[in-house]
C-alpha atoms as a PDB file:
ATOM      1  CA  UNK A   1      42.118  60.824  22.954  1.00  0.00           C
ATOM      2  CA  UNK A   2      38.684  59.249  22.642  1.00  0.00           C
ATOM      3  CA  UNK A   3      36.931  57.724  25.544  1.00  0.00           C
ATOM      4  CA  UNK A   4      36.371  53.885  25.362  1.00  0.00           C
ATOM      5  CA  UNK A   5      32.873  52.549  24.795  1.00  0.00           C
ATOM      6  CA  UNK A   6      31.642  51.189  28.124  1.00  0.00           C
ATOM      7  CA  UNK A   7      27.980  50.671  27.331  1.00  0.00           C
ATOM      8  CA  UNK A   8      26.194  49.371  24.227  1.00  0.00           C
ATOM      9  CA  UNK A   9      22.590  50.270  23.804  1.00  0.00           C
ATOM     10  CA  UNK A  10      20.576  47.653  21.892  1.00  0.00           C
ATOM     11  CA  UNK A  11      17.837  49.116  19.766  1.00  0.00           C
ATOM     12  CA  UNK A  12      14.541  47.516  20.639  1.00  0.00           C
ATOM     13  CA  UNK A  13      12.026  47.512  17.787  1.00  0.00           C
ATOM     14  CA  UNK A  14       8.492  48.529  18.633  1.00  0.00           C
ATOM     15  CA  UNK A  15       5.576  46.197  17.931  1.00  0.00           C
ATOM     16  CA  UNK A  16       4.668  48.225  14.869  1.00  0.00           C
ATOM     17  CA  UNK A  17       8.212  48.045  13.536  1.00  0.00           C
ATOM     18  CA  UNK A  18       8.258  44.248  14.075  1.00  0.00           C
ATOM     19  CA  UNK A  19       5.024  43.901  12.072  1.00  0.00           C
ATOM     20  CA  UNK A  20       6.384  46.059   9.318  1.00  0.00           C
ATOM     21  CA  UNK A  21       9.549  44.011   9.164  1.00  0.00           C
ATOM     22  CA  UNK A  22       7.519  40.754   9.007  1.00  0.00           C
ATOM     23  CA  UNK A  23       5.371  42.186   6.201  1.00  0.00           C
ATOM     24  CA  UNK A  24       8.510  43.087   4.200  1.00  0.00           C
ATOM     25  CA  UNK A  25       9.946  39.536   4.674  1.00  0.00           C
ATOM     26  CA  UNK A  26       6.570  38.135   3.576  1.00  0.00           C
ATOM     27  CA  UNK A  27       6.492  40.336   0.450  1.00  0.00           C
ATOM     28  CA  UNK A  28      10.000  39.271  -0.506  1.00  0.00           C
ATOM     29  CA  UNK A  29       9.094  35.600  -0.037  1.00  0.00           C
ATOM     30  CA  UNK A  30       5.910  35.963  -2.195  1.00  0.00           C
ATOM     31  CA  UNK A  31       7.951  37.549  -4.971  1.00  0.00           C
ATOM     32  CA  UNK A  32      10.627  34.893  -4.720  1.00  0.00           C
ATOM     33  CA  UNK A  33       8.177  31.935  -4.758  1.00  0.00           C
ATOM     34  CA  UNK A  34       5.475  33.395  -7.023  1.00  0.00           C
ATOM     35  CA  UNK A  35       5.091  30.309  -9.276  1.00  0.00           C
ATOM     36  CA  UNK A  36       4.934  27.878  -6.361  1.00  0.00           C
ATOM     37  CA  UNK A  37       2.270  30.017  -4.722  1.00  0.00           C
ATOM     38  CA  UNK A  38       0.261  30.171  -7.944  1.00  0.00           C
ATOM     39  CA  UNK A  39       0.446  26.366  -8.263  1.00  0.00           C
ATOM     40  CA  UNK A  40      -0.562  25.963  -4.614  1.00  0.00           C
ATOM     41  CA  UNK A  41      -3.630  28.208  -5.164  1.00  0.00           C
ATOM     42  CA  UNK A  42      -4.594  26.263  -8.302  1.00  0.00           C
ATOM     43  CA  UNK A  43      -4.443  23.065  -6.285  1.00  0.00           C
ATOM     44  CA  UNK A  44      -6.529  24.522  -3.522  1.00  0.00           C
ATOM     45  CA  UNK A  45      -9.125  25.717  -6.029  1.00  0.00           C
ATOM     46  CA  UNK A  46      -9.341  22.231  -7.565  1.00  0.00           C
ATOM     47  CA  UNK A  47      -9.749  20.664  -4.082  1.00  0.00           C
ATOM     48  CA  UNK A  48     -12.376  23.196  -3.204  1.00  0.00           C
ATOM     49  CA  UNK A  49     -14.230  22.744  -6.498  1.00  0.00           C
ATOM     50  CA  UNK A  50     -14.356  18.955  -6.075  1.00  0.00           C
ATOM     51  CA  UNK A  51     -15.438  19.079  -2.420  1.00  0.00           C
ATOM     52  CA  UNK A  52     -12.308  17.326  -1.178  1.00  0.00           C
ATOM     53  CA  UNK A  53     -11.190  20.452   0.730  1.00  0.00           C
ATOM     54  CA  UNK A  54     -14.413  20.527   2.745  1.00  0.00           C
ATOM     55  CA  UNK A  55     -14.245  16.766   3.406  1.00  0.00           C
ATOM     56  CA  UNK A  56     -10.652  17.129   4.597  1.00  0.00           C
ATOM     57  CA  UNK A  57     -11.586  20.030   6.809  1.00  0.00           C
ATOM     58  CA  UNK A  58     -14.440  18.051   8.398  1.00  0.00           C
ATOM     59  CA  UNK A  59     -12.099  15.153   8.884  1.00  0.00           C
ATOM     60  CA  UNK A  60      -9.528  17.299  10.635  1.00  0.00           C
ATOM     61  CA  UNK A  61     -12.166  18.841  12.877  1.00  0.00           C
ATOM     62  CA  UNK A  62     -13.420  15.346  13.844  1.00  0.00           C
ATOM     63  CA  UNK A  63      -9.931  13.913  14.238  1.00  0.00           C
ATOM     64  CA  UNK A  64     -10.476  12.617  17.738  1.00  0.00           C
ATOM     65  CA  UNK A  65     -13.660  10.738  16.722  1.00  0.00           C
ATOM     66  CA  UNK A  66     -11.979   9.434  13.520  1.00  0.00           C
ATOM     67  CA  UNK A  67      -8.973   8.201  15.524  1.00  0.00           C
ATOM     68  CA  UNK A  68     -11.233   6.536  18.027  1.00  0.00           C
ATOM     69  CA  UNK A  69     -13.130   4.681  15.234  1.00  0.00           C
ATOM     70  CA  UNK A  70      -9.904   3.716  13.486  1.00  0.00           C
ATOM     71  CA  UNK A  71      -8.383   2.322  16.636  1.00  0.00           C
ATOM     72  CA  UNK A  72     -11.576   0.437  17.441  1.00  0.00           C
ATOM     73  CA  UNK A  73     -11.599  -1.087  13.940  1.00  0.00           C
ATOM     74  CA  UNK A  74      -7.900  -1.972  14.071  1.00  0.00           C
ATOM     75  CA  UNK A  75      -8.365  -3.796  17.414  1.00  0.00           C
ATOM     76  CA  UNK A  76     -11.009  -6.163  15.927  1.00  0.00           C
ATOM     77  CA  UNK A  77      -9.770  -9.827  15.846  1.00  0.00           C
ATOM     78  CA  UNK A  78     -10.521  -9.957  12.075  1.00  0.00           C
ATOM     79  CA  UNK A  79      -8.067  -7.152  11.358  1.00  0.00           C
ATOM     80  CA  UNK A  80      -5.446  -8.734  13.643  1.00  0.00           C
ATOM     81  CA  UNK A  81      -5.961 -12.028  11.741  1.00  0.00           C
ATOM     82  CA  UNK A  82      -5.545 -10.255   8.386  1.00  0.00           C
ATOM     83  CA  UNK A  83      -2.244  -8.694   9.531  1.00  0.00           C
ATOM     84  CA  UNK A  84      -0.943 -12.004  10.988  1.00  0.00           C
ATOM     85  CA  UNK A  85      -2.008 -13.937   7.814  1.00  0.00           C
ATOM     86  CA  UNK A  86      -0.367 -11.346   5.579  1.00  0.00           C
ATOM     87  CA  UNK A  87       2.904 -11.602   7.490  1.00  0.00           C
ATOM     88  CA  UNK A  88       2.724 -15.428   7.372  1.00  0.00           C
ATOM     89  CA  UNK A  89       1.931 -15.442   3.658  1.00  0.00           C
ATOM     90  CA  UNK A  90       4.813 -13.055   2.989  1.00  0.00           C
ATOM     91  CA  UNK A  91       7.137 -15.338   4.951  1.00  0.00           C
ATOM     92  CA  UNK A  92       5.928 -18.457   3.064  1.00  0.00           C
ATOM     93  CA  UNK A  93       6.219 -16.642  -0.340  1.00  0.00           C
ATOM     94  CA  UNK A  94       9.774 -15.652   0.459  1.00  0.00           C
ATOM     95  CA  UNK A  95      10.691 -19.334   1.001  1.00  0.00           C
ATOM     96  CA  UNK A  96       9.332 -20.385  -2.417  1.00  0.00           C
ATOM     97  CA  UNK A  97      11.597 -20.437  -5.450  1.00  0.00           C
ATOM     98  CA  UNK A  98      10.214 -17.793  -7.836  1.00  0.00           C
ATOM     99  CA  UNK A  99      10.879 -20.009 -10.864  1.00  0.00           C
ATOM    100  CA  UNK A 100       8.688 -22.782  -9.386  1.00  0.00           C
ATOM    101  CA  UNK A 101       5.934 -20.238  -8.662  1.00  0.00           C
ATOM    102  CA  UNK A 102       6.018 -18.907 -12.197  1.00  0.00           C
ATOM    103  CA  UNK A 103       5.958 -22.411 -13.688  1.00  0.00           C
ATOM    104  CA  UNK A 104       3.048 -23.437 -11.406  1.00  0.00           C
ATOM    105  CA  UNK A 105       1.057 -20.329 -12.261  1.00  0.00           C
ATOM    106  CA  UNK A 106       1.646 -20.785 -15.971  1.00  0.00           C
ATOM    107  CA  UNK A 107       0.551 -24.438 -15.634  1.00  0.00           C
ATOM    108  CA  UNK A 108      -2.601 -23.357 -13.772  1.00  0.00           C
ATOM    109  CA  UNK A 109      -3.421 -20.916 -16.551  1.00  0.00           C
ATOM    110  CA  UNK A 110      -2.962 -23.581 -19.222  1.00  0.00           C
ATOM    111  CA  UNK A 111      -4.975 -26.054 -17.108  1.00  0.00           C
ATOM    112  CA  UNK A 112      -7.849 -23.617 -16.847  1.00  0.00           C
ATOM    113  CA  UNK A 113      -7.681 -23.044 -20.572  1.00  0.00           C
ATOM    114  CA  UNK A 114      -7.902 -26.810 -21.185  1.00  0.00           C
ATOM    115  CA  UNK A 115     -10.673 -27.215 -18.605  1.00  0.00           C
ATOM    116  CA  UNK A 116     -12.719 -24.519 -20.378  1.00  0.00           C
ATOM    117  CA  UNK A 117     -12.890 -26.543 -23.616  1.00  0.00           C
ATOM    118  CA  UNK A 118     -16.155 -28.453 -24.101  1.00  0.00           C
ATOM    119  CA  UNK A 119     -16.083 -32.099 -23.153  1.00  0.00           C
ATOM    120  CA  UNK A 120     -16.915 -34.205 -26.146  1.00  0.00           C
ATOM    121  CA  UNK A 121     -17.047 -37.709 -24.691  1.00  0.00           C
ATOM    122  CA  UNK A 122     -18.431 -39.141 -21.469  1.00  0.00           C
ATOM    123  CA  UNK A 123     -15.966 -39.710 -18.639  1.00  0.00           C
ATOM    124  CA  UNK A 124     -15.692 -43.340 -17.482  1.00  0.00           C
ATOM    125  CA  UNK A 125     -13.443 -45.298 -15.163  1.00  0.00           C
ATOM    126  CA  UNK A 126     -11.764 -46.848 -18.208  1.00  0.00           C
ATOM    127  CA  UNK A 127     -11.140 -43.392 -19.754  1.00  0.00           C
ATOM    128  CA  UNK A 128      -9.581 -42.239 -16.425  1.00  0.00           C
ATOM    129  CA  UNK A 129      -7.308 -45.297 -16.416  1.00  0.00           C
ATOM    130  CA  UNK A 130      -6.421 -44.588 -20.037  1.00  0.00           C
ATOM    131  CA  UNK A 131      -5.692 -40.915 -19.153  1.00  0.00           C
ATOM    132  CA  UNK A 132      -2.893 -42.108 -16.860  1.00  0.00           C
ATOM    133  CA  UNK A 133      -1.004 -43.178 -20.046  1.00  0.00           C
ATOM    134  CA  UNK A 134      -0.992 -39.517 -21.199  1.00  0.00           C
ATOM    135  CA  UNK A 135       2.399 -38.094 -20.040  1.00  0.00           C
ATOM    136  CA  UNK A 136       0.923 -34.643 -19.286  1.00  0.00           C
ATOM    137  CA  UNK A 137      -1.872 -36.140 -17.124  1.00  0.00           C
ATOM    138  CA  UNK A 138       0.586 -38.504 -15.422  1.00  0.00           C
ATOM    139  CA  UNK A 139       2.975 -35.634 -14.697  1.00  0.00           C
ATOM    140  CA  UNK A 140       0.191 -33.496 -13.180  1.00  0.00           C
ATOM    141  CA  UNK A 141      -1.145 -36.400 -11.025  1.00  0.00           C
ATOM    142  CA  UNK A 142       2.437 -37.200  -9.857  1.00  0.00           C
ATOM    143  CA  UNK A 143       2.893 -33.517  -8.995  1.00  0.00           C
ATOM    144  CA  UNK A 144      -0.354 -33.504  -7.029  1.00  0.00           C
ATOM    145  CA  UNK A 145       0.543 -36.656  -5.152  1.00  0.00           C
ATOM    146  CA  UNK A 146       3.999 -35.287  -4.233  1.00  0.00           C
ATOM    147  CA  UNK A 147       2.391 -31.992  -3.195  1.00  0.00           C
ATOM    148  CA  UNK A 148      -0.128 -33.870  -0.936  1.00  0.00           C
ATOM    149  CA  UNK A 149       2.687 -35.875   0.542  1.00  0.00           C
ATOM    150  CA  UNK A 150       4.703 -32.727   1.384  1.00  0.00           C
ATOM    151  CA  UNK A 151       1.579 -31.063   2.818  1.00  0.00           C
ATOM    152  CA  UNK A 152       0.800 -34.109   4.903  1.00  0.00           C
ATOM    153  CA  UNK A 153       4.387 -34.219   6.304  1.00  0.00           C
ATOM    154  CA  UNK A 154       4.105 -30.574   7.283  1.00  0.00           C
ATOM    155  CA  UNK A 155       0.688 -31.023   8.860  1.00  0.00           C
ATOM    156  CA  UNK A 156       1.896 -34.054  10.837  1.00  0.00           C
ATOM    157  CA  UNK A 157       4.713 -32.123  12.501  1.00  0.00           C
END
């Protein structure tokens, strides 16, 4: 009868064998991903030819200095104000009905178009009073007055 196995010897690869095994795995990977490697080389050549690769390399080498400059710039009060104003504007825009915004912007565009036309007659107090009879002018002035009233209410609070 055979004697039971009591000790297992693990084969330890030498450093040269480990290198050889790594090279074989690398060769297999290159063959398997040949098209992707060709594309990556093409991209790197384009980046090198345009100078972007050198600029990126310099940026990476100076990363500590670049990070310091970026943090210094980000801590300026102007940048903080921009961020806070952007957040406030986004909040205000989210509260406005998009249909009203579209109508207002269309009206502004039409108003700018009308304002760009040459003025043929002199503007007088009487012509201003007469303009109030025009429904379009009356509507716009009414809108402006209601807008100013709402703005004043908010500013008063």
